[in-house]
Amino acid sequence: MARPFSEFHRKALRIMEESRAVWLPYRSGEFPGPLPDSLSYHFWDGLSAFPSDPRDVRFAVVPPVPDKQHEILDRLLRRAERLEVLQVLSSGHDYLAPFLGLLPSGSRVATANGVHGEATAELAVTLLLASERGLDDFSRRHALGQWRPRVFPTLSGKEVLVVGQGAVGKAVAARLAPFGCRVVRLARTARDTADGHVHGFADLSSLLPSADAVVLCAPLTDETRDLMDASRLALMKDRAVLVNVARGEIVDTQALVREAGRGRLRVALDVTAPEPLPSGHPLWYLPGVLITPHVGAFTDAFTPASLAFITQQLHRYAHGEPLVNVLPQMAAAH
């Protein structure tokens, strides 16, 4: 009688493990510490064949493959009938909107908000400094073998408006202070913090005319879409710098092309609309425009930071504890 019970027990354990299947874009051996024993782990890069039956996956980490997120999400969510947690490794989540209707009832969506904020803030400051000191111009001269000194502005004594006070915006503001500039912070709602006053979006138009530089770090929402439209870009002072490390759709691209084309504004972008930016787009060729291809979070720190974050999330999930960065609208909708 012992053998049938043992076989039944093993079968039950196997079913339980399969029902708690976790798909990861990293192999188990890459993680910095042990993962919960109660879960079954499967490596999936997002492009190859499914590693197990997608109907059984309960926790899926979306592989961070640039330019393939829509394809991966569509492929996964059309088959993951029992999915409980969809974990993305981005801070933003606007690109998830077309796929929310595919999520099973009761599922949760979590972002990696804050995990890569330091790296993105570092690039934002790099772009601002490079634009202020004319590195885009000097780089073009370099390619032509031309030694042509020019005088460019400094950040010292300048006013920099940082739009958005999430993890990235706070990190940008902290990094700018030592350069001797005056940092003005703005977020959705006005408030006083330990670091000083934060203006609300209602103050944006009144703050733009005095800003020597504007750094966009806000998430893309209905409220921030086209936040920097033609009328607000026109409010910026001549030769001011606009830096965008948020989402391209926050800026009216056609209006930006007009302002940069006239030489009135200088521009530094890590994000664009459309994205990827087509090779023939005028932004590539305008003087005073510096572009990086949405690489703010992608540094050598991305993988270890992601591994540590996923490890913490999996331990919370395995022990029934609240996950970090769960989107509230998702929790409410399901």
Protein backbone atom coordinates (compact mmCIF):
# COMPACT_ATOMS: atom_id res chain seq x y z
CA MET A 1 0.00 0.00 0.00
CA ALA A 2 2.94 2.31 0.51
CA ARG A 3 3.88 2.42 -3.18
CA PRO A 4 0.55 3.78 -4.52
CA PHE A 5 0.60 6.45 -1.84
CA SER A 6 4.16 7.40 -2.74
CA GLU A 7 3.29 7.67 -6.43
CA PHE A 8 0.22 9.72 -5.62
CA HIS A 9 2.27 11.97 -3.37
CA ARG A 10 4.92 12.53 -6.04
CA LYS A 11 2.26 13.28 -8.62
CA ALA A 12 0.60 15.77 -6.30
CA LEU A 13 3.91 17.49 -5.64
CA ARG A 14 4.64 17.66 -9.37
CA ILE A 15 1.25 19.21 -10.08
CA MET A 16 1.74 21.70 -7.27
CA GLU A 17 5.15 22.71 -8.62
CA GLU A 18 3.82 23.09 -12.14
CA SER A 19 0.99 25.25 -10.85
CA ARG A 20 3.62 27.54 -9.28
CA ALA A 21 5.78 27.74 -12.38
CA VAL A 22 7.94 30.86 -12.73
CA TRP A 23 9.40 32.05 -16.04
CA LEU A 24 12.59 34.08 -15.75
CA PRO A 25 14.81 35.88 -18.29
CA TYR A 26 17.83 34.78 -16.25
CA ARG A 27 19.03 31.29 -15.33
CA SER A 28 18.74 30.22 -11.69
CA GLY A 29 22.52 30.12 -11.26
CA GLU A 30 22.82 33.82 -12.09
CA PHE A 31 20.89 34.99 -9.04
CA PRO A 32 22.87 36.41 -6.10
CA GLY A 33 21.15 34.22 -3.53
CA PRO A 34 18.83 31.25 -3.19
CA LEU A 35 15.38 31.39 -4.71
CA PRO A 36 12.32 29.97 -2.89
CA ASP A 37 12.25 26.15 -3.05
CA SER A 38 8.48 26.08 -3.36
CA LEU A 39 8.54 27.44 -6.92
CA SER A 40 9.49 25.80 -10.20
CA TYR A 41 11.82 27.89 -12.38
CA HIS A 42 12.08 28.00 -16.16
CA PHE A 43 14.37 30.15 -18.29
CA TRP A 44 12.72 32.06 -21.15
CA ASP A 45 14.37 34.72 -23.27
CA GLY A 46 11.08 35.89 -24.79
CA LEU A 47 11.98 34.88 -28.34
CA SER A 48 12.57 31.12 -28.20
CA ALA A 49 10.04 28.33 -27.63
CA PHE A 50 8.10 28.34 -24.38
CA PRO A 51 10.05 26.51 -21.63
CA SER A 52 6.92 24.85 -20.20
CA ASP A 53 3.17 24.88 -20.71
CA PRO A 54 2.21 28.60 -20.69
CA ARG A 55 -1.15 27.69 -19.18
CA ASP A 56 0.65 26.75 -15.96
CA VAL A 57 2.92 29.76 -15.50
CA ARG A 58 1.96 31.75 -12.39
CA PHE A 59 4.75 34.34 -12.18
CA ALA A 60 6.35 35.67 -15.36
CA VAL A 61 9.19 38.18 -15.61
CA VAL A 62 9.04 39.84 -19.02
CA PRO A 63 12.43 39.52 -20.75
CA PRO A 64 13.98 42.99 -21.23
CA VAL A 65 14.49 42.73 -25.00
CA PRO A 66 14.59 46.23 -26.55
CA ASP A 67 12.04 46.80 -29.33
CA LYS A 68 10.41 43.39 -28.71
CA GLN A 69 8.25 44.09 -25.66
CA HIS A 70 4.94 44.21 -27.55
CA GLU A 71 5.69 40.97 -29.38
CA ILE A 72 6.69 39.19 -26.16
CA LEU A 73 3.69 40.41 -24.18
CA ASP A 74 1.22 39.44 -26.87
CA ARG A 75 2.71 35.98 -27.23
CA LEU A 76 2.78 35.35 -23.49
CA LEU A 77 -0.53 36.80 -22.36
CA ARG A 78 -2.63 35.09 -25.00
CA ARG A 79 -1.64 31.75 -23.45
CA ALA A 80 -0.93 32.39 -19.76
CA GLU A 81 -4.40 31.51 -18.51
CA ARG A 82 -3.43 31.14 -14.83
CA LEU A 83 -0.94 33.99 -14.55
CA GLU A 84 -0.93 35.61 -11.11
CA VAL A 85 1.95 38.07 -11.47
CA LEU A 86 3.33 39.85 -14.52
CA GLN A 87 6.64 41.44 -13.56
CA VAL A 88 8.22 43.92 -15.96
CA LEU A 89 11.75 45.23 -15.56
CA SER A 90 10.95 48.80 -16.62
CA SER A 91 9.89 51.73 -14.48
CA GLY A 92 7.28 52.92 -16.96
CA HIS A 93 4.23 50.87 -17.81
CA ASP A 94 2.36 52.87 -20.46
CA TYR A 95 3.31 50.32 -23.13
CA LEU A 96 1.32 47.67 -21.24
CA ALA A 97 -2.02 49.35 -21.97
CA PRO A 98 -2.88 47.35 -25.12
CA PHE A 99 -2.38 44.06 -23.26
CA LEU A 100 -4.22 44.63 -20.00
CA GLY A 101 -7.38 43.06 -21.37
CA LEU A 102 -5.47 39.81 -21.89
CA LEU A 103 -4.56 39.45 -18.20
CA PRO A 104 -6.43 36.76 -16.25
CA SER A 105 -8.84 38.00 -13.59
CA GLY A 106 -7.09 38.56 -10.27
CA SER A 107 -3.61 38.93 -11.73
CA ARG A 108 -1.20 41.64 -10.65
CA VAL A 109 1.23 43.74 -12.64
CA ALA A 110 4.42 44.97 -11.01
CA THR A 111 7.09 47.30 -12.36
CA ALA A 112 10.75 47.75 -11.44
CA ASN A 113 10.20 51.38 -10.50
CA GLY A 114 13.25 52.76 -8.71
CA VAL A 115 15.52 49.86 -9.56
CA HIS A 116 17.21 51.63 -12.47
CA GLY A 117 16.55 55.21 -11.46
CA GLU A 118 20.18 55.97 -10.64
CA ALA A 119 21.42 54.91 -14.08
CA THR A 120 18.73 56.87 -15.90
CA ALA A 121 19.42 59.95 -13.79
CA GLU A 122 23.11 59.63 -14.58
CA LEU A 123 22.38 59.70 -18.31
CA ALA A 124 20.00 62.65 -17.91
CA VAL A 125 22.73 64.70 -16.27
CA THR A 126 25.25 63.50 -18.86
CA LEU A 127 22.99 64.64 -21.70
CA LEU A 128 22.41 67.99 -20.04
CA LEU A 129 26.11 68.60 -19.48
CA ALA A 130 27.02 67.43 -22.98
CA SER A 131 24.44 69.75 -24.53
CA GLU A 132 25.37 72.73 -22.36
CA ARG A 133 29.08 72.37 -23.11
CA GLY A 134 28.52 71.77 -26.84
CA LEU A 135 29.88 68.23 -27.01
CA ASP A 136 27.53 67.44 -29.89
CA ASP A 137 29.08 70.29 -31.89
CA PHE A 138 32.63 69.34 -30.95
CA SER A 139 31.92 65.73 -31.88
CA ARG A 140 30.89 66.79 -35.38
CA ARG A 141 34.07 68.87 -35.66
CA HIS A 142 36.05 65.87 -34.47
CA ALA A 143 34.61 63.72 -37.28
CA LEU A 144 35.69 66.40 -39.77
CA GLY A 145 39.12 66.83 -38.24
CA GLN A 146 38.43 70.47 -37.38
CA TRP A 147 39.94 72.29 -34.39
CA ARG A 148 37.40 75.06 -33.82
CA PRO A 149 37.08 76.40 -30.24
CA ARG A 150 33.71 77.85 -29.26
CA VAL A 151 32.28 79.26 -26.06
CA PHE A 152 29.33 77.36 -24.59
CA PRO A 153 27.32 77.88 -21.38
CA THR A 154 28.01 76.34 -18.00
CA LEU A 155 25.49 74.92 -15.55
CA SER A 156 26.87 77.06 -12.76
CA GLY A 157 24.37 79.74 -11.84
CA LYS A 158 21.70 78.40 -14.20
CA GLU A 159 18.13 77.39 -13.37
CA VAL A 160 17.19 73.79 -14.16
CA LEU A 161 13.57 72.67 -14.00
CA VAL A 162 13.22 68.93 -13.24
CA VAL A 163 9.77 67.69 -14.25
CA GLY A 164 8.77 64.55 -12.36
CA GLN A 165 9.79 63.61 -8.84
CA GLY A 166 9.79 59.83 -8.90
CA ALA A 167 12.98 57.83 -8.45
CA VAL A 168 14.60 59.30 -11.57
CA GLY A 169 13.57 62.91 -10.99
CA LYS A 170 14.75 62.88 -7.37
CA ALA A 171 18.08 61.38 -8.40
CA VAL A 172 18.51 63.97 -11.16
CA ALA A 173 17.81 66.83 -8.75
CA ALA A 174 20.31 65.43 -6.24
CA ARG A 175 23.03 65.10 -8.89
CA LEU A 176 22.52 68.61 -10.25
CA ALA A 177 22.88 70.48 -6.96
CA PRO A 178 26.72 70.18 -6.78
CA PHE A 179 27.07 71.89 -10.17
CA GLY A 180 26.06 75.20 -8.67
CA CYS A 181 22.78 75.49 -10.53
CA ARG A 182 19.40 76.31 -9.04
CA VAL A 183 17.19 73.22 -9.20
CA VAL A 184 13.44 73.77 -9.42
CA ARG A 185 11.36 70.63 -8.95
CA LEU A 186 7.91 69.95 -10.35
CA ALA A 187 5.52 66.99 -10.03
CA ARG A 188 1.84 66.24 -10.48
CA THR A 189 0.89 67.85 -7.18
CA ALA A 190 2.56 70.63 -5.23
CA ARG A 191 4.05 69.74 -1.86
CA ASP A 192 6.78 70.61 0.61
CA THR A 193 9.42 67.95 1.22
CA ALA A 194 12.59 67.57 3.24
CA ASP A 195 14.51 68.56 0.08
CA GLY A 196 12.43 71.67 -0.51
CA HIS A 197 9.30 72.76 -2.33
CA VAL A 198 7.89 70.77 -5.24
CA HIS A 199 5.69 72.71 -7.65
CA GLY A 200 2.58 71.19 -9.20
CA PHE A 201 1.90 70.79 -12.92
CA ALA A 202 -0.33 73.85 -12.72
CA ASP A 203 2.84 75.95 -12.30
CA LEU A 204 4.64 74.57 -15.36
CA SER A 205 3.79 77.37 -17.79
CA SER A 206 4.84 80.05 -15.31
CA LEU A 207 8.17 78.31 -14.58
CA LEU A 208 9.29 77.61 -18.15
CA PRO A 209 10.27 81.19 -19.16
CA SER A 210 12.95 81.43 -16.46
CA ALA A 211 14.43 77.95 -16.88
CA ASP A 212 17.79 77.58 -18.63
CA ALA A 213 17.18 73.85 -18.92
CA VAL A 214 14.21 71.50 -18.53
CA VAL A 215 14.73 67.82 -17.69
CA LEU A 216 11.70 65.56 -18.27
CA CYS A 217 11.49 62.56 -15.91
CA ALA A 218 7.71 62.19 -15.52
CA PRO A 219 5.80 59.01 -16.42
CA LEU A 220 3.60 58.98 -19.49
CA THR A 221 -0.04 59.40 -18.48
CA ASP A 222 -3.10 61.06 -19.99
CA GLU A 223 -2.05 64.16 -18.09
CA THR A 224 1.57 64.22 -19.30
CA ARG A 225 1.00 63.21 -22.93
CA ASP A 226 2.05 66.24 -25.03
CA LEU A 227 2.85 68.07 -21.79
CA MET A 228 5.51 69.96 -23.73
CA ASP A 229 3.34 70.99 -26.65
CA ALA A 230 3.99 73.85 -29.08
CA SER A 231 2.70 76.50 -26.68
CA ARG A 232 4.86 75.35 -23.77
CA LEU A 233 7.97 74.88 -25.92
CA ALA A 234 7.44 78.46 -27.10
CA LEU A 235 7.57 79.61 -23.48
CA MET A 236 11.12 78.32 -23.03
CA LYS A 237 13.82 80.95 -23.29
CA ASP A 238 16.05 81.17 -26.36
CA ARG A 239 18.89 78.59 -26.37
CA ALA A 240 17.46 76.75 -23.37
CA VAL A 241 18.06 72.98 -23.24
CA LEU A 242 15.30 70.37 -23.22
CA VAL A 243 16.35 66.93 -21.94
CA ASN A 244 13.92 64.01 -22.15
CA VAL A 245 14.64 60.68 -20.41
CA ALA A 246 10.95 59.96 -19.74
CA ARG A 247 8.82 59.07 -22.78
CA GLY A 248 8.87 60.58 -26.24
CA GLU A 249 5.13 61.19 -26.24
CA ILE A 250 5.49 63.78 -23.49
CA VAL A 251 6.84 66.17 -26.13
CA ASP A 252 5.18 67.32 -29.35
CA THR A 253 7.81 66.08 -31.80
CA GLN A 254 6.79 68.28 -34.73
CA ALA A 255 6.86 71.38 -32.55
CA LEU A 256 10.24 70.33 -31.18
CA VAL A 257 11.63 69.95 -34.70
CA ARG A 258 10.45 73.46 -35.53
CA GLU A 259 12.04 74.99 -32.43
CA ALA A 260 15.31 73.10 -32.83
CA GLY A 261 15.36 73.73 -36.56
CA ARG A 262 15.26 77.47 -35.93
CA GLY A 263 18.16 77.06 -33.51
CA ARG A 264 16.03 78.48 -30.70
CA LEU A 265 16.19 75.42 -28.45
CA ARG A 266 18.88 72.84 -27.83
CA VAL A 267 17.68 69.28 -27.35
CA ALA A 268 19.03 66.10 -25.73
CA LEU A 269 16.85 63.00 -26.02
CA ASP A 270 17.06 59.42 -24.79
CA VAL A 271 13.45 58.83 -25.85
CA THR A 272 11.56 59.92 -28.94
CA ALA A 273 8.17 59.72 -30.62
CA PRO A 274 8.15 57.73 -32.81
CA GLU A 275 10.52 55.16 -31.36
CA PRO A 276 12.79 53.83 -32.71
CA LEU A 277 13.44 57.12 -34.47
CA PRO A 278 13.52 56.46 -38.26
CA SER A 279 16.86 57.02 -39.97
CA GLY A 280 15.46 59.81 -42.14
CA HIS A 281 13.86 61.78 -39.33
CA PRO A 282 14.94 65.45 -39.18
CA LEU A 283 15.89 65.22 -35.51
CA TRP A 284 18.94 63.18 -36.50
CA TYR A 285 20.33 66.00 -38.60
CA LEU A 286 19.49 69.22 -36.76
CA PRO A 287 22.35 71.10 -35.07
CA GLY A 288 22.00 71.37 -31.32
CA VAL A 289 20.24 68.01 -31.06
CA LEU A 290 21.84 65.11 -29.17
CA ILE A 291 20.17 61.67 -29.26
CA THR A 292 20.80 58.38 -27.47
CA PRO A 293 18.64 55.32 -28.35
CA HIS A 294 16.65 54.80 -25.11
CA VAL A 295 19.59 53.41 -23.15
CA GLY A 296 19.10 55.25 -19.85
CA ALA A 297 18.62 52.14 -17.72
CA PHE A 298 20.88 49.84 -19.73
CA THR A 299 24.29 49.82 -18.10
CA ASP A 300 26.45 47.12 -16.58
CA ALA A 301 24.40 47.65 -13.40
CA PHE A 302 21.14 46.61 -15.07
CA THR A 303 21.54 42.85 -14.69
CA PRO A 304 22.70 42.71 -11.05
CA ALA A 305 20.07 45.25 -10.01
CA SER A 306 17.36 43.30 -11.82
CA LEU A 307 18.49 39.98 -10.33
CA ALA A 308 18.43 41.38 -6.80
CA PHE A 309 14.99 42.90 -7.33
CA ILE A 310 13.49 39.74 -8.84
CA THR A 311 14.89 37.69 -5.96
CA GLN A 312 13.11 39.89 -3.43
CA GLN A 313 9.85 39.79 -5.40
CA LEU A 314 9.94 35.99 -5.65
CA HIS A 315 10.47 35.59 -1.90
CA ARG A 316 7.53 37.91 -1.25
CA TYR A 317 5.39 35.97 -3.70
CA ALA A 318 6.35 32.57 -2.30
CA HIS A 319 5.54 33.65 1.26
CA GLY A 320 2.30 35.43 0.41
CA GLU A 321 3.72 38.87 1.22
CA PRO A 322 2.80 42.08 -0.65
CA LEU A 323 4.82 42.65 -3.80
CA VAL A 324 6.62 45.91 -4.48
CA ASN A 325 5.50 48.29 -7.24
CA VAL A 326 2.15 46.64 -7.98
CA LEU A 327 0.14 48.94 -10.20
CA PRO A 328 -2.87 50.08 -8.15
CA GLN A 329 -5.20 50.29 -11.13
CA MET A 330 -4.46 46.65 -11.86
CA ALA A 331 -5.21 45.58 -8.31
CA ALA A 332 -8.46 47.53 -8.42
CA ALA A 333 -9.45 46.25 -11.87
CA HIS A 334 -9.04 42.63 -10.93
